[in-house]
């Protein structure tokens, strides 16, 4: 009797419920996309040698990914400018519990910053993100 009563209570209370699919891992807005990309990139263990060998032109990108990367750049720079400094990059990785050593930052910056000015412009930062995403897919 108790089990039948419990079933009736559950069924009657669920008539007005919205079902949430906990296995639906699709992002629904740009903030979620930027947060997911930030987590994927920021928490990644970086193989410096593989990063240096990785080409970005052959990386398959979804049409919405560049927008997410633009949002990520705003997050890293604080929305202030179009250049990412070494310190901002270090802080970004550290905020994802991935503190990089000085030589690791130098190697990461050197993999995409061919003019060696200590900052990444927009295209260099996006190239770095695409390389890291590609490395993450190859794992």
Protein backbone atom coordinates (compact mmCIF):
# COMPACT_ATOMS: atom_id res chain seq x y z
CA UNK A 1 0.00 0.00 0.00
CA UNK A 2 2.78 2.44 0.89
CA UNK A 3 4.66 1.85 -2.37
CA UNK A 4 1.53 2.39 -4.46
CA UNK A 5 0.78 5.60 -2.61
CA UNK A 6 4.33 6.83 -3.13
CA UNK A 7 4.09 6.07 -6.85
CA UNK A 8 0.86 8.06 -7.11
CA UNK A 9 2.43 11.03 -5.32
CA UNK A 10 5.50 10.98 -7.58
CA UNK A 11 3.46 10.66 -10.78
CA UNK A 12 0.98 13.36 -9.84
CA UNK A 13 3.70 15.78 -8.81
CA UNK A 14 5.64 15.19 -12.05
CA UNK A 15 2.77 16.16 -14.33
CA UNK A 16 3.84 19.80 -14.07
CA UNK A 17 7.59 19.19 -13.96
CA UNK A 18 10.11 19.99 -16.65
CA UNK A 19 12.42 17.10 -17.29
CA UNK A 20 16.10 17.94 -17.27
CA UNK A 21 18.33 15.69 -19.32
CA UNK A 22 21.49 15.49 -17.22
CA UNK A 23 23.36 13.82 -20.07
CA UNK A 24 22.76 16.66 -22.52
CA UNK A 25 26.18 18.33 -22.51
CA UNK A 26 25.49 20.87 -25.26
CA UNK A 27 26.12 24.49 -24.35
CA UNK A 28 23.14 26.76 -24.68
CA UNK A 29 24.68 30.24 -24.75
CA UNK A 30 27.94 32.03 -25.47
CA UNK A 31 28.86 32.43 -21.79
CA UNK A 32 28.64 28.68 -21.28
CA UNK A 33 30.70 28.12 -24.44
CA UNK A 34 33.39 30.55 -23.27
CA UNK A 35 33.47 28.93 -19.81
CA UNK A 36 33.78 25.46 -21.35
CA UNK A 37 36.60 26.60 -23.64
CA UNK A 38 38.35 28.34 -20.76
CA UNK A 39 38.17 25.16 -18.71
CA UNK A 40 39.32 22.95 -21.59
CA UNK A 41 42.28 25.18 -22.39
CA UNK A 42 43.16 26.40 -18.91
CA UNK A 43 43.23 23.03 -17.19
CA UNK A 44 45.08 21.19 -19.96
CA UNK A 45 48.46 19.62 -19.28
CA UNK A 46 50.58 21.13 -22.05
CA UNK A 47 53.15 19.08 -23.90
CA UNK A 48 55.48 21.84 -25.10
CA UNK A 49 57.13 19.76 -27.83
CA UNK A 50 53.76 18.67 -29.22
CA UNK A 51 52.56 22.29 -29.10
CA UNK A 52 55.54 23.42 -31.13
CA UNK A 53 54.87 20.72 -33.75
CA UNK A 54 51.15 21.37 -34.01
CA UNK A 55 49.87 23.13 -37.10
CA UNK A 56 46.76 25.28 -36.80
CA UNK A 57 45.60 25.37 -40.42
CA UNK A 58 44.43 21.77 -40.46
CA UNK A 59 42.54 22.09 -37.18
CA UNK A 60 38.83 21.59 -37.71
CA UNK A 61 36.89 24.34 -35.99
CA UNK A 62 33.19 24.55 -35.51
CA UNK A 63 31.71 27.75 -36.86
CA UNK A 64 30.79 28.88 -33.34
CA UNK A 65 34.22 28.20 -31.82
CA UNK A 66 35.90 31.43 -32.94
CA UNK A 67 33.20 33.40 -31.10
CA UNK A 68 33.91 31.39 -27.97
CA UNK A 69 37.61 32.07 -28.38
CA UNK A 70 36.94 35.79 -28.73
CA UNK A 71 35.00 35.65 -25.45
CA UNK A 72 37.87 33.73 -23.92
CA UNK A 73 40.31 36.44 -24.98
CA UNK A 74 38.09 39.04 -23.28
CA UNK A 75 38.16 36.91 -20.15
CA UNK A 76 41.94 36.57 -20.18
CA UNK A 77 42.58 40.27 -20.82
CA UNK A 78 39.74 41.49 -18.62
CA UNK A 79 38.15 43.01 -21.74
CA UNK A 80 40.74 45.78 -21.72
CA UNK A 81 42.71 45.37 -24.94
CA UNK A 82 43.60 43.15 -27.88
CA UNK A 83 46.89 41.90 -26.49
CA UNK A 84 47.56 39.14 -23.98
CA UNK A 85 50.59 39.63 -21.77
CA UNK A 86 52.72 36.88 -20.32
CA UNK A 87 51.37 37.70 -16.85
CA UNK A 88 47.74 37.51 -18.02
CA UNK A 89 48.41 34.13 -19.61
CA UNK A 90 50.08 32.92 -16.43
CA UNK A 91 47.16 34.16 -14.30
CA UNK A 92 44.66 32.48 -16.63
CA UNK A 93 46.32 29.07 -16.32
CA UNK A 94 46.80 29.51 -12.57
CA UNK A 95 43.09 30.30 -12.16
CA UNK A 96 42.41 26.84 -13.64
CA UNK A 97 44.76 25.16 -11.14
CA UNK A 98 47.47 24.85 -13.78
CA UNK A 99 50.34 26.98 -12.53
CA UNK A 100 53.04 27.11 -15.19
CA UNK A 101 56.73 27.53 -14.54
CA UNK A 102 58.56 30.49 -16.08
CA UNK A 103 60.30 28.38 -18.73
CA UNK A 104 56.97 26.74 -19.66
CA UNK A 105 55.41 30.17 -20.23
CA UNK A 106 58.42 31.16 -22.33
CA UNK A 107 58.01 28.04 -24.47
CA UNK A 108 54.25 28.53 -24.87
CA UNK A 109 54.68 32.17 -25.82
CA UNK A 110 57.50 31.27 -28.21
CA UNK A 111 55.35 28.67 -29.98
CA UNK A 112 53.07 31.39 -31.38
CA UNK A 113 54.78 34.74 -30.70
CA UNK A 114 57.25 34.92 -33.57
CA UNK A 115 58.14 38.58 -32.97
CA UNK A 116 59.17 37.85 -29.34
CA UNK A 117 57.72 41.05 -27.92
CA UNK A 118 56.36 39.36 -24.78
CA UNK A 119 52.71 39.79 -25.76
CA UNK A 120 50.30 37.87 -27.95
CA UNK A 121 48.14 39.84 -30.35
CA UNK A 122 44.64 38.62 -31.18
CA UNK A 123 45.66 36.29 -34.02
CA UNK A 124 48.54 34.80 -32.01
CA UNK A 125 46.30 34.16 -28.99
CA UNK A 126 43.63 32.55 -31.16
CA UNK A 127 46.31 30.41 -32.83
CA UNK A 128 47.53 29.29 -29.40
CA UNK A 129 43.99 28.39 -28.33
CA UNK A 130 43.38 26.40 -31.51
CA UNK A 131 46.64 24.51 -31.04
CA UNK A 132 45.77 23.70 -27.43
CA UNK A 133 42.28 22.56 -28.41
CA UNK A 134 43.75 20.33 -31.08
CA UNK A 135 46.24 18.86 -28.62
CA UNK A 136 43.39 18.19 -26.21
CA UNK A 137 41.48 16.30 -28.90
CA UNK A 138 44.53 14.19 -29.73
CA UNK A 139 44.83 12.92 -26.15
